[in-house]
């Protein structure tokens, strides 16, 4: 009975780690999207500023 409990515990731990990694990956992806959007906005503002200077 103890061996079954051990493998059940290991399965739960692996599942928790996988779910955590997926959540972490999702968060990192969202942050990267926001960084890309901010960079695009910065470039657009710089371009607009240069066009106004001409």
N, C-alpha and C. Protein backbone atom coordinates (compact mmCIF):
# COMPACT_ATOMS: atom_id res chain seq x y z
N UNK A 1 0.82 -1.20 0.00
CA UNK A 1 0.00 0.00 0.00
C UNK A 1 0.87 1.27 0.00
N UNK A 2 2.02 1.20 0.68
CA UNK A 2 2.89 2.37 0.74
C UNK A 2 3.47 2.74 -0.60
N UNK A 3 3.73 1.75 -1.45
CA UNK A 3 4.29 2.00 -2.77
C UNK A 3 3.29 2.75 -3.66
N UNK A 4 2.03 2.37 -3.57
CA UNK A 4 0.99 3.04 -4.35
C UNK A 4 0.86 4.49 -3.91
N UNK A 5 0.90 4.72 -2.61
CA UNK A 5 0.83 6.09 -2.10
C UNK A 5 2.02 6.92 -2.59
N UNK A 6 3.20 6.33 -2.65
CA UNK A 6 4.39 7.03 -3.12
C UNK A 6 4.22 7.46 -4.57
N UNK A 7 3.77 6.55 -5.42
CA UNK A 7 3.60 6.89 -6.83
C UNK A 7 2.47 7.89 -7.03
N UNK A 8 1.43 7.80 -6.23
CA UNK A 8 0.35 8.79 -6.31
C UNK A 8 0.88 10.17 -5.94
N UNK A 9 1.66 10.23 -4.88
CA UNK A 9 2.26 11.50 -4.47
C UNK A 9 3.17 12.06 -5.55
N UNK A 10 3.98 11.21 -6.15
CA UNK A 10 4.87 11.65 -7.23
C UNK A 10 4.07 12.17 -8.43
N UNK A 11 2.99 11.48 -8.76
CA UNK A 11 2.15 11.90 -9.88
C UNK A 11 1.53 13.27 -9.60
N UNK A 12 1.07 13.49 -8.39
CA UNK A 12 0.48 14.78 -8.02
C UNK A 12 1.54 15.87 -8.07
N UNK A 13 2.72 15.59 -7.57
CA UNK A 13 3.80 16.59 -7.60
C UNK A 13 4.18 16.96 -9.03
N UNK A 14 4.29 15.97 -9.89
CA UNK A 14 4.62 16.24 -11.30
C UNK A 14 3.52 17.07 -11.94
N UNK A 15 2.28 16.74 -11.66
CA UNK A 15 1.15 17.48 -12.21
C UNK A 15 1.17 18.94 -11.74
N UNK A 16 1.44 19.14 -10.46
CA UNK A 16 1.51 20.50 -9.92
C UNK A 16 2.64 21.28 -10.59
N UNK A 17 3.78 20.65 -10.77
CA UNK A 17 4.91 21.32 -11.43
C UNK A 17 4.58 21.69 -12.87
N UNK A 18 3.93 20.81 -13.58
CA UNK A 18 3.55 21.08 -14.98
C UNK A 18 2.57 22.25 -15.04
N UNK A 19 1.57 22.24 -14.17
CA UNK A 19 0.59 23.33 -14.15
C UNK A 19 1.27 24.65 -13.80
N UNK A 20 2.17 24.62 -12.83
CA UNK A 20 2.89 25.84 -12.45
C UNK A 20 3.73 26.36 -13.61
N UNK A 21 4.42 25.48 -14.30
CA UNK A 21 5.25 25.90 -15.44
C UNK A 21 4.40 26.50 -16.55
N UNK A 22 3.24 25.91 -16.81
CA UNK A 22 2.34 26.47 -17.83
C UNK A 22 1.87 27.86 -17.43
N UNK A 23 1.52 28.04 -16.16
CA UNK A 23 1.10 29.35 -15.66
C UNK A 23 2.24 30.36 -15.79
N UNK A 24 3.44 29.95 -15.41
CA UNK A 24 4.61 30.82 -15.49
C UNK A 24 4.90 31.21 -16.94
N UNK A 25 4.81 30.24 -17.83
CA UNK A 25 5.04 30.51 -19.25
C UNK A 25 4.01 31.50 -19.79
N UNK A 26 2.75 31.33 -19.37
CA UNK A 26 1.69 32.24 -19.81
C UNK A 26 1.98 33.66 -19.33
N UNK A 27 2.40 33.80 -18.08
CA UNK A 27 2.71 35.12 -17.53
C UNK A 27 3.88 35.75 -18.28
N UNK A 28 4.93 34.98 -18.54
CA UNK A 28 6.09 35.50 -19.26
C UNK A 28 5.70 35.93 -20.67
N UNK A 29 4.82 35.17 -21.30
CA UNK A 29 4.35 35.52 -22.64
C UNK A 29 3.58 36.83 -22.62
N UNK A 30 2.72 37.00 -21.62
CA UNK A 30 1.95 38.25 -21.50
C UNK A 30 2.88 39.44 -21.29
N UNK A 31 3.89 39.27 -20.45
CA UNK A 31 4.84 40.35 -20.19
C UNK A 31 5.60 40.69 -21.47
N UNK A 32 6.01 39.66 -22.22
CA UNK A 32 6.73 39.90 -23.47
C UNK A 32 5.86 40.65 -24.47
N UNK A 33 4.57 40.29 -24.55
CA UNK A 33 3.65 40.99 -25.44
C UNK A 33 3.55 42.47 -25.06
N UNK A 34 3.46 42.74 -23.76
CA UNK A 34 3.38 44.13 -23.30
C UNK A 34 4.66 44.88 -23.64
N UNK A 35 5.81 44.24 -23.47
CA UNK A 35 7.08 44.89 -23.81
C UNK A 35 7.15 45.21 -25.30
N UNK A 36 6.69 44.29 -26.13
CA UNK A 36 6.69 44.52 -27.58
C UNK A 36 5.76 45.67 -27.93
N UNK A 37 4.59 45.71 -27.31
CA UNK A 37 3.63 46.79 -27.57
C UNK A 37 4.22 48.14 -27.16
N UNK A 38 4.86 48.20 -26.01
CA UNK A 38 5.48 49.45 -25.56
C UNK A 38 6.59 49.88 -26.52
N UNK A 39 7.37 48.93 -27.00
CA UNK A 39 8.44 49.25 -27.95
C UNK A 39 7.85 49.80 -29.25
N UNK A 40 6.76 49.21 -29.72
CA UNK A 40 6.11 49.71 -30.94
C UNK A 40 5.60 51.13 -30.73
N UNK A 41 4.99 51.38 -29.57
CA UNK A 41 4.48 52.73 -29.29
C UNK A 41 5.63 53.74 -29.23
N UNK A 42 6.75 53.34 -28.62
CA UNK A 42 7.91 54.23 -28.52
C UNK A 42 8.44 54.56 -29.91
N UNK A 43 8.53 53.56 -30.77
CA UNK A 43 9.02 53.78 -32.14
C UNK A 43 8.06 54.69 -32.90
N UNK A 44 6.76 54.46 -32.72
CA UNK A 44 5.77 55.30 -33.40
C UNK A 44 5.89 56.75 -32.95
N UNK A 45 6.08 56.96 -31.66
CA UNK A 45 6.23 58.33 -31.15
C UNK A 45 7.49 58.98 -31.69
N UNK A 46 8.59 58.24 -31.73
CA UNK A 46 9.83 58.79 -32.28
C UNK A 46 9.68 59.13 -33.75
N UNK A 47 9.02 58.27 -34.49
CA UNK A 47 8.79 58.52 -35.92
C UNK A 47 7.93 59.77 -36.11
N UNK A 48 6.88 59.89 -35.32
CA UNK A 48 6.00 61.05 -35.41
C UNK A 48 6.77 62.32 -35.07
N UNK A 49 7.61 62.26 -34.05
CA UNK A 49 8.40 63.42 -33.64
C UNK A 49 9.35 63.84 -34.75
N UNK A 50 10.00 62.87 -35.39
CA UNK A 50 10.93 63.18 -36.49
C UNK A 50 10.20 63.80 -37.68
N UNK A 51 9.00 63.29 -37.96
CA UNK A 51 8.23 63.83 -39.09
C UNK A 51 7.80 65.26 -38.80
N UNK A 52 7.48 65.56 -37.54
CA UNK A 52 7.07 66.91 -37.18
C UNK A 52 8.25 67.88 -37.25
N UNK A 53 9.47 67.38 -37.02
CA UNK A 53 10.65 68.24 -37.07
C UNK A 53 11.01 68.63 -38.49
N UNK A 54 10.59 67.86 -39.47
CA UNK A 54 10.95 68.14 -40.87
C UNK A 54 10.20 69.32 -41.42
